[in-house]
Protein backbone atom coordinates (compact mmCIF):
# COMPACT_ATOMS: atom_id res chain seq x y z
CA MET A 1 -0.31 -0.17 -0.12
CA ASN A 2 0.99 3.25 -0.81
CA VAL A 3 2.19 5.55 2.35
CA ALA A 4 0.43 8.70 0.88
CA GLU A 5 -3.06 6.44 0.71
CA VAL A 6 -5.72 7.54 3.45
CA GLN A 7 -6.75 4.33 5.52
CA THR A 8 -9.94 4.63 7.66
CA TYR A 9 -11.00 2.80 10.51
CA ASN A 10 -14.33 1.28 11.31
CA GLY A 11 -15.82 5.01 9.75
CA TRP A 12 -13.34 6.72 11.26
CA SER A 13 -10.49 8.99 9.62
CA ASN A 14 -7.82 6.86 11.36
CA HIS A 15 -7.36 4.30 13.99
CA GLU A 16 -6.16 7.08 16.72
CA THR A 17 -9.25 8.81 16.14
CA TRP A 18 -11.53 5.92 16.63
CA LEU A 19 -9.59 5.02 19.60
CA ALA A 20 -10.02 8.64 21.46
CA ASN A 21 -13.21 8.69 20.40
CA LEU A 22 -13.96 5.43 22.20
CA TRP A 23 -12.22 6.55 25.50
CA LEU A 24 -13.77 10.04 25.21
CA THR A 25 -17.36 8.13 25.14
CA ASN A 26 -16.90 5.31 27.43
CA ASP A 27 -14.75 6.88 30.31
CA GLU A 28 -16.55 8.70 33.04
CA VAL A 29 -13.85 11.51 33.54
CA SER A 30 -13.08 11.66 29.76
CA TYR A 31 -16.81 12.17 29.09
CA GLN A 32 -17.04 14.73 31.13
CA LEU A 33 -14.02 16.77 29.20
CA LEU A 34 -15.71 16.21 26.44
CA GLN A 35 -19.36 17.18 27.35
CA GLU A 36 -17.41 20.45 28.55
CA ALA A 37 -15.89 21.01 25.17
CA LEU A 38 -19.31 20.55 23.48
CA ALA A 39 -21.32 22.77 25.80
CA LYS A 40 -18.69 25.77 24.93
CA ASP A 41 -21.45 27.32 23.21
CA THR A 42 -19.56 30.71 21.78
CA TYR A 43 -16.76 28.54 20.39
CA ARG A 44 -17.25 27.17 16.76
CA ASP A 45 -16.23 23.51 16.16
CA TYR A 46 -12.78 23.84 15.38
CA GLU A 47 -12.31 26.01 18.63
CA LYS A 48 -14.13 23.22 20.68
CA ALA A 49 -11.66 20.99 19.23
CA GLU A 50 -8.83 22.80 19.91
CA TRP A 51 -9.93 23.28 23.26
CA LEU A 52 -10.28 19.69 24.01
CA GLU A 53 -7.18 18.35 22.34
CA MET A 54 -5.06 21.26 24.60
CA MET A 55 -6.98 19.58 27.93
CA LEU A 56 -6.00 16.29 26.79
CA ARG A 57 -2.48 17.07 25.93
CA TYR A 58 -1.87 18.75 29.50
CA GLU A 59 -2.97 15.70 31.05
CA LEU A 60 -0.52 13.49 28.73
CA ASP A 61 2.10 15.91 30.09
CA ASP A 62 1.38 15.17 33.50
CA GLU A 63 1.10 11.47 32.93
CA ILE A 64 4.58 11.48 31.53
CA ASP A 65 6.56 14.06 32.34
CA GLU A 66 9.99 13.18 31.28
CA PRO A 67 11.16 12.60 27.02
CA CYS A 68 11.26 9.07 26.83
CA LEU A 69 10.39 6.67 24.14
CA TRP A 70 6.36 6.32 25.49
CA GLN A 71 6.02 9.97 25.55
CA ASP A 72 7.16 10.27 22.09
CA LEU A 73 5.53 7.38 20.79
CA LEU A 74 1.94 8.50 22.71
CA GLN A 75 2.87 12.01 21.35
CA SER A 76 2.81 10.89 17.50
CA ALA A 77 -0.09 8.75 17.74
CA PHE A 78 -2.15 12.01 19.77
CA GLY A 79 -0.85 14.34 16.93
CA ARG A 80 -2.83 11.88 14.37
CA ILE A 81 -6.22 12.07 16.17
CA ASP A 82 -8.81 14.39 14.15
CA TRP A 83 -10.48 16.35 16.84
CA SER A 84 -12.43 17.75 14.78
CA GLU A 85 -13.90 14.88 13.65
CA ILE A 86 -14.95 13.88 17.00
CA ILE A 87 -16.55 17.34 17.81
CA ALA A 88 -18.69 16.81 14.98
CA VAL A 89 -19.81 13.39 15.83
CA ASN A 90 -20.70 13.94 19.35
CA GLN A 91 -22.71 16.93 18.55
CA GLU A 92 -25.05 15.17 16.55
């Protein structure tokens, strides 16, 4: 397969987005954060997505505060998440 080809996963843009949404909708603390993002009525959808990503990046940085292989791998996967897709799907 050509690296430039787009891969989807279970109807989502990629595996990372699907997995992030799975956790955000099935873990109570994460779900509350998602609902907080969705409730920001004065925000546009992309701003809600940016806010959610920022809040979760802070959590990631708190969990692994020293540079290491795991932090790099998690940050790489984290960067592939389509936060706007998560916001759009959960607003329906």
